[in-house]
Amino acid sequence: MEKQNYLEILQQIKKAEEEMNQAISEKKRELEESLNKAKELSEKQIQEARAEAQSTVEKEVEKARKEAEEQASAIIREAEDKAKEILSKKLSSEVLKSIIEQILISDFRE
């Protein structure tokens, strides 16, 4: 009888051990799935952030290009207006020399 009780206790211990191992395996599988989902989500968010950053850079570059074009156009218009004004006047060689020197000096200051 004592031997039978001992065998029953061993069987109960084995059954409890198997149930515990199964529960541990299930929990491990759940944690691995959760970790994989978190990894996939973070990779997706990183890709989205990179795409958004690239888009922002492209927009800023385009904005800077347009501003530079506008400034260049304004400078060209101003130079054309000054050239027309100069051509419309009859200038003495002294005045013409002074204007040319001012233009050359302003180019070197920039």
N, C-alpha and C. Protein backbone atom coordinates (compact mmCIF):
# COMPACT_ATOMS: atom_id res chain seq x y z
N MET A 1 0.82 -1.19 0.00
CA MET A 1 0.00 0.00 0.00
C MET A 1 0.87 1.26 0.00
N GLU A 2 1.89 1.17 0.81
CA GLU A 2 2.80 2.30 0.86
C GLU A 2 3.48 2.52 -0.49
N LYS A 3 3.79 1.43 -1.15
CA LYS A 3 4.41 1.51 -2.47
C LYS A 3 3.44 2.12 -3.48
N GLN A 4 2.17 1.81 -3.36
CA GLN A 4 1.17 2.36 -4.27
C GLN A 4 1.00 3.87 -4.02
N ASN A 5 0.98 4.29 -2.77
CA ASN A 5 0.89 5.72 -2.44
C ASN A 5 2.11 6.47 -3.00
N TYR A 6 3.25 5.83 -2.86
CA TYR A 6 4.48 6.43 -3.37
C TYR A 6 4.40 6.60 -4.89
N LEU A 7 3.89 5.61 -5.59
CA LEU A 7 3.74 5.69 -7.05
C LEU A 7 2.72 6.75 -7.44
N GLU A 8 1.64 6.86 -6.70
CA GLU A 8 0.62 7.88 -6.97
C GLU A 8 1.20 9.28 -6.78
N ILE A 9 1.97 9.43 -5.72
CA ILE A 9 2.60 10.74 -5.46
C ILE A 9 3.57 11.08 -6.58
N LEU A 10 4.34 10.10 -7.03
CA LEU A 10 5.28 10.33 -8.14
C LEU A 10 4.52 10.69 -9.42
N GLN A 11 3.41 10.02 -9.65
CA GLN A 11 2.60 10.33 -10.83
C GLN A 11 2.01 11.74 -10.73
N GLN A 12 1.58 12.12 -9.56
CA GLN A 12 1.05 13.47 -9.36
C GLN A 12 2.14 14.52 -9.56
N ILE A 13 3.31 14.22 -9.06
CA ILE A 13 4.45 15.15 -9.23
C ILE A 13 4.79 15.27 -10.72
N LYS A 14 4.82 14.14 -11.41
CA LYS A 14 5.13 14.15 -12.84
C LYS A 14 4.06 14.93 -13.61
N LYS A 15 2.80 14.70 -13.26
CA LYS A 15 1.70 15.41 -13.92
C LYS A 15 1.80 16.92 -13.66
N ALA A 16 2.09 17.29 -12.42
CA ALA A 16 2.23 18.71 -12.08
C ALA A 16 3.41 19.33 -12.83
N GLU A 17 4.49 18.56 -12.94
CA GLU A 17 5.68 19.04 -13.67
C GLU A 17 5.36 19.24 -15.15
N GLU A 18 4.64 18.30 -15.74
CA GLU A 18 4.27 18.42 -17.15
C GLU A 18 3.34 19.61 -17.37
N GLU A 19 2.39 19.80 -16.47
CA GLU A 19 1.48 20.94 -16.58
C GLU A 19 2.25 22.26 -16.45
N MET A 20 3.20 22.29 -15.53
CA MET A 20 4.02 23.49 -15.33
C MET A 20 4.86 23.77 -16.57
N ASN A 21 5.47 22.72 -17.13
CA ASN A 21 6.27 22.89 -18.35
C ASN A 21 5.41 23.38 -19.50
N GLN A 22 4.21 22.87 -19.61
CA GLN A 22 3.29 23.30 -20.67
C GLN A 22 2.91 24.78 -20.46
N ALA A 23 2.63 25.15 -19.21
CA ALA A 23 2.28 26.55 -18.91
C ALA A 23 3.45 27.47 -19.22
N ILE A 24 4.65 27.03 -18.88
CA ILE A 24 5.86 27.84 -19.16
C ILE A 24 6.05 27.98 -20.66
N SER A 25 5.89 26.89 -21.39
CA SER A 25 6.03 26.93 -22.85
C SER A 25 5.01 27.87 -23.47
N GLU A 26 3.78 27.82 -22.99
CA GLU A 26 2.73 28.70 -23.51
C GLU A 26 3.05 30.17 -23.22
N LYS A 27 3.50 30.44 -22.01
CA LYS A 27 3.85 31.81 -21.64
C LYS A 27 5.03 32.30 -22.48
N LYS A 28 6.01 31.43 -22.70
CA LYS A 28 7.17 31.79 -23.52
C LYS A 28 6.72 32.12 -24.94
N ARG A 29 5.82 31.29 -25.50
CA ARG A 29 5.32 31.53 -26.85
C ARG A 29 4.59 32.88 -26.92
N GLU A 30 3.76 33.16 -25.92
CA GLU A 30 3.03 34.44 -25.89
C GLU A 30 3.98 35.62 -25.82
N LEU A 31 5.02 35.50 -24.98
CA LEU A 31 5.99 36.59 -24.86
C LEU A 31 6.78 36.79 -26.15
N GLU A 32 7.14 35.69 -26.81
CA GLU A 32 7.86 35.80 -28.07
C GLU A 32 7.00 36.46 -29.14
N GLU A 33 5.71 36.10 -29.18
CA GLU A 33 4.80 36.74 -30.14
C GLU A 33 4.67 38.23 -29.85
N SER A 34 4.54 38.56 -28.58
CA SER A 34 4.43 39.97 -28.19
C SER A 34 5.70 40.74 -28.57
N LEU A 35 6.84 40.12 -28.33
CA LEU A 35 8.12 40.76 -28.67
C LEU A 35 8.25 40.95 -30.17
N ASN A 36 7.85 39.96 -30.95
CA ASN A 36 7.92 40.07 -32.41
C ASN A 36 6.99 41.17 -32.92
N LYS A 37 5.79 41.26 -32.34
CA LYS A 37 4.87 42.32 -32.75
C LYS A 37 5.43 43.69 -32.42
N ALA A 38 6.03 43.82 -31.24
CA ALA A 38 6.63 45.10 -30.85
C ALA A 38 7.79 45.45 -31.79
N LYS A 39 8.58 44.46 -32.16
CA LYS A 39 9.70 44.69 -33.07
C LYS A 39 9.20 45.15 -34.44
N GLU A 40 8.17 44.46 -34.95
CA GLU A 40 7.60 44.84 -36.25
C GLU A 40 7.03 46.25 -36.20
N LEU A 41 6.34 46.58 -35.11
CA LEU A 41 5.76 47.91 -34.97
C LEU A 41 6.85 48.97 -34.92
N SER A 42 7.91 48.71 -34.16
CA SER A 42 8.99 49.71 -34.07
C SER A 42 9.69 49.88 -35.41
N GLU A 43 9.89 48.79 -36.15
CA GLU A 43 10.51 48.90 -37.48
C GLU A 43 9.62 49.70 -38.43
N LYS A 44 8.32 49.47 -38.35
CA LYS A 44 7.39 50.23 -39.19
C LYS A 44 7.41 51.71 -38.82
N GLN A 45 7.44 52.01 -37.53
CA GLN A 45 7.48 53.41 -37.10
C GLN A 45 8.79 54.08 -37.51
N ILE A 46 9.88 53.35 -37.46
CA ILE A 46 11.17 53.89 -37.90
C ILE A 46 11.12 54.21 -39.39
N GLN A 47 10.57 53.31 -40.18
CA GLN A 47 10.46 53.55 -41.63
C GLN A 47 9.57 54.76 -41.90
N GLU A 48 8.47 54.88 -41.17
CA GLU A 48 7.57 56.03 -41.36
C GLU A 48 8.28 57.32 -40.98
N ALA A 49 9.03 57.29 -39.89
CA ALA A 49 9.76 58.49 -39.46
C ALA A 49 10.82 58.88 -40.49
N ARG A 50 11.50 57.89 -41.04
CA ARG A 50 12.51 58.17 -42.08
C ARG A 50 11.86 58.79 -43.31
N ALA A 51 10.71 58.23 -43.71
CA ALA A 51 10.02 58.76 -44.89
C ALA A 51 9.55 60.19 -44.63
N GLU A 52 9.05 60.43 -43.43
CA GLU A 52 8.59 61.78 -43.09
C GLU A 52 9.77 62.76 -43.05
N ALA A 53 10.88 62.33 -42.51
CA ALA A 53 12.07 63.18 -42.47
C ALA A 53 12.56 63.49 -43.88
N GLN A 54 12.58 62.48 -44.74
CA GLN A 54 13.00 62.69 -46.12
C GLN A 54 12.08 63.67 -46.83
N SER A 55 10.79 63.53 -46.59
CA SER A 55 9.82 64.43 -47.20
C SER A 55 10.03 65.86 -46.71
N THR A 56 10.28 66.01 -45.41
CA THR A 56 10.52 67.34 -44.84
C THR A 56 11.78 67.95 -45.44
N VAL A 57 12.82 67.17 -45.58
CA VAL A 57 14.07 67.67 -46.17
C VAL A 57 13.82 68.12 -47.61
N GLU A 58 13.10 67.31 -48.37
CA GLU A 58 12.82 67.66 -49.76
C GLU A 58 12.01 68.95 -49.85
N LYS A 59 11.02 69.10 -48.97
CA LYS A 59 10.21 70.31 -48.97
C LYS A 59 11.04 71.54 -48.62
N GLU A 60 11.91 71.40 -47.63
CA GLU A 60 12.76 72.53 -47.22
C GLU A 60 13.76 72.90 -48.32
N VAL A 61 14.30 71.90 -48.99
CA VAL A 61 15.23 72.16 -50.09
C VAL A 61 14.50 72.91 -51.20
N GLU A 62 13.31 72.46 -51.53
CA GLU A 62 12.51 73.11 -52.58
C GLU A 62 12.17 74.55 -52.17
N LYS A 63 11.81 74.74 -50.92
CA LYS A 63 11.49 76.08 -50.42
C LYS A 63 12.71 76.99 -50.52
N ALA A 64 13.87 76.49 -50.12
CA ALA A 64 15.11 77.28 -50.19
C ALA A 64 15.45 77.60 -51.64
N ARG A 65 15.25 76.63 -52.54
CA ARG A 65 15.53 76.86 -53.96
C ARG A 65 14.65 77.97 -54.51
N LYS A 66 13.36 77.93 -54.17
CA LYS A 66 12.43 78.96 -54.65
C LYS A 66 12.81 80.33 -54.10
N GLU A 67 13.17 80.37 -52.82
CA GLU A 67 13.57 81.65 -52.23
C GLU A 67 14.83 82.20 -52.90
N ALA A 68 15.78 81.31 -53.20
CA ALA A 68 17.01 81.73 -53.87
C ALA A 68 16.70 82.25 -55.28
N GLU A 69 15.78 81.55 -55.97
CA GLU A 69 15.39 82.01 -57.31
C GLU A 69 14.72 83.38 -57.24
N GLU A 70 13.87 83.58 -56.24
CA GLU A 70 13.19 84.87 -56.09
C GLU A 70 14.20 85.98 -55.81
N GLN A 71 15.17 85.68 -54.93
CA GLN A 71 16.20 86.68 -54.63
C GLN A 71 17.04 86.98 -55.86
N ALA A 72 17.40 85.95 -56.60
CA ALA A 72 18.20 86.15 -57.81
C ALA A 72 17.41 86.97 -58.83
N SER A 73 16.13 86.67 -58.97
CA SER A 73 15.30 87.43 -59.90
C SER A 73 15.20 88.89 -59.49
N ALA A 74 15.06 89.13 -58.20
CA ALA A 74 14.98 90.50 -57.69
C ALA A 74 16.28 91.25 -57.97
N ILE A 75 17.40 90.59 -57.76
CA ILE A 75 18.70 91.22 -58.01
C ILE A 75 18.86 91.52 -59.50
N ILE A 76 18.45 90.57 -60.33
CA ILE A 76 18.54 90.79 -61.78
C ILE A 76 17.65 91.95 -62.22
N ARG A 77 16.41 91.99 -61.69
CA ARG A 77 15.51 93.10 -62.04
C ARG A 77 16.09 94.44 -61.60
N GLU A 78 16.66 94.46 -60.40
CA GLU A 78 17.26 95.70 -59.90
C GLU A 78 18.43 96.12 -60.78
N ALA A 79 19.24 95.15 -61.17
CA ALA A 79 20.39 95.47 -62.03
C ALA A 79 19.92 95.96 -63.40
N GLU A 80 18.86 95.32 -63.92
CA GLU A 80 18.32 95.77 -65.21
C GLU A 80 17.77 97.18 -65.11
N ASP A 81 17.05 97.47 -64.01
CA ASP A 81 16.51 98.82 -63.82
C ASP A 81 17.63 99.85 -63.72
N LYS A 82 18.69 99.51 -62.99
CA LYS A 82 19.81 100.44 -62.86
C LYS A 82 20.51 100.63 -64.20
N ALA A 83 20.63 99.54 -64.94
CA ALA A 83 21.27 99.63 -66.26
C ALA A 83 20.45 100.52 -67.19
N LYS A 84 19.12 100.35 -67.17
CA LYS A 84 18.26 101.20 -68.00
C LYS A 84 18.37 102.65 -67.58
N GLU A 85 18.41 102.85 -66.27
CA GLU A 85 18.52 104.24 -65.76
C GLU A 85 19.84 104.85 -66.20
N ILE A 86 20.90 104.06 -66.13
CA ILE A 86 22.21 104.57 -66.53
C ILE A 86 22.23 104.86 -68.02
N LEU A 87 21.64 103.96 -68.79
CA LEU A 87 21.64 104.16 -70.25
C LEU A 87 20.79 105.35 -70.65
N SER A 88 19.76 105.63 -69.87
CA SER A 88 18.88 106.73 -70.24
C SER A 88 19.50 108.09 -69.94
N LYS A 89 20.50 108.10 -69.14
CA LYS A 89 21.16 109.36 -68.79
C LYS A 89 22.47 109.48 -69.55
N LYS A 90 22.80 110.71 -69.81
CA LYS A 90 24.11 110.95 -70.40
C LYS A 90 25.02 111.27 -69.24
N LEU A 91 25.95 110.37 -69.02
CA LEU A 91 26.81 110.52 -67.86
C LEU A 91 28.21 110.94 -68.28
N SER A 92 28.77 111.71 -67.41
CA SER A 92 30.16 112.09 -67.66
C SER A 92 31.04 110.89 -67.31
N SER A 93 32.23 110.90 -67.80
CA SER A 93 33.13 109.79 -67.54
C SER A 93 33.42 109.65 -66.04
N GLU A 94 33.41 110.76 -65.31
CA GLU A 94 33.65 110.71 -63.85
C GLU A 94 32.51 109.98 -63.14
N VAL A 95 31.26 110.30 -63.48
CA VAL A 95 30.09 109.68 -62.86
C VAL A 95 30.05 108.19 -63.23
N LEU A 96 30.31 107.89 -64.48
CA LEU A 96 30.31 106.51 -64.93
C LEU A 96 31.39 105.70 -64.20
N LYS A 97 32.56 106.29 -64.05
CA LYS A 97 33.65 105.64 -63.33
C LYS A 97 33.26 105.39 -61.88
N SER A 98 32.61 106.35 -61.25
CA SER A 98 32.17 106.22 -59.86
C SER A 98 31.15 105.08 -59.71
N ILE A 99 30.21 105.00 -60.65
CA ILE A 99 29.19 103.95 -60.60
C ILE A 99 29.83 102.57 -60.76
N ILE A 100 30.74 102.45 -61.70
CA ILE A 100 31.41 101.16 -61.92
C ILE A 100 32.22 100.76 -60.70
N GLU A 101 32.89 101.70 -60.09
CA GLU A 101 33.67 101.40 -58.89
C GLU A 101 32.75 100.95 -57.75
N GLN A 102 31.60 101.60 -57.60
CA GLN A 102 30.66 101.21 -56.54
C GLN A 102 30.15 99.78 -56.76
N ILE A 103 29.87 99.46 -58.01
CA ILE A 103 29.39 98.11 -58.32
C ILE A 103 30.48 97.09 -58.03
N LEU A 104 31.68 97.37 -58.45
CA LEU A 104 32.79 96.42 -58.22
C LEU A 104 33.09 96.28 -56.73
N ILE A 105 33.07 97.37 -56.01
CA ILE A 105 33.34 97.33 -54.57
C ILE A 105 32.25 96.54 -53.86
N SER A 106 30.99 96.74 -54.24
CA SER A 106 29.91 96.01 -53.57
C SER A 106 30.00 94.52 -53.85
N ASP A 107 30.50 94.12 -55.01
CA ASP A 107 30.69 92.70 -55.32
C ASP A 107 31.75 92.08 -54.41
N PHE A 108 32.79 92.84 -54.10
CA PHE A 108 33.85 92.30 -53.25
C PHE A 108 33.43 92.25 -51.79
N ARG A 109 32.52 93.09 -51.38
CA ARG A 109 32.05 93.08 -49.98
C ARG A 109 31.22 91.86 -49.68
N GLU A 110 30.52 91.36 -50.64
CA GLU A 110 29.65 90.20 -50.43
C GLU A 110 30.49 88.99 -50.38
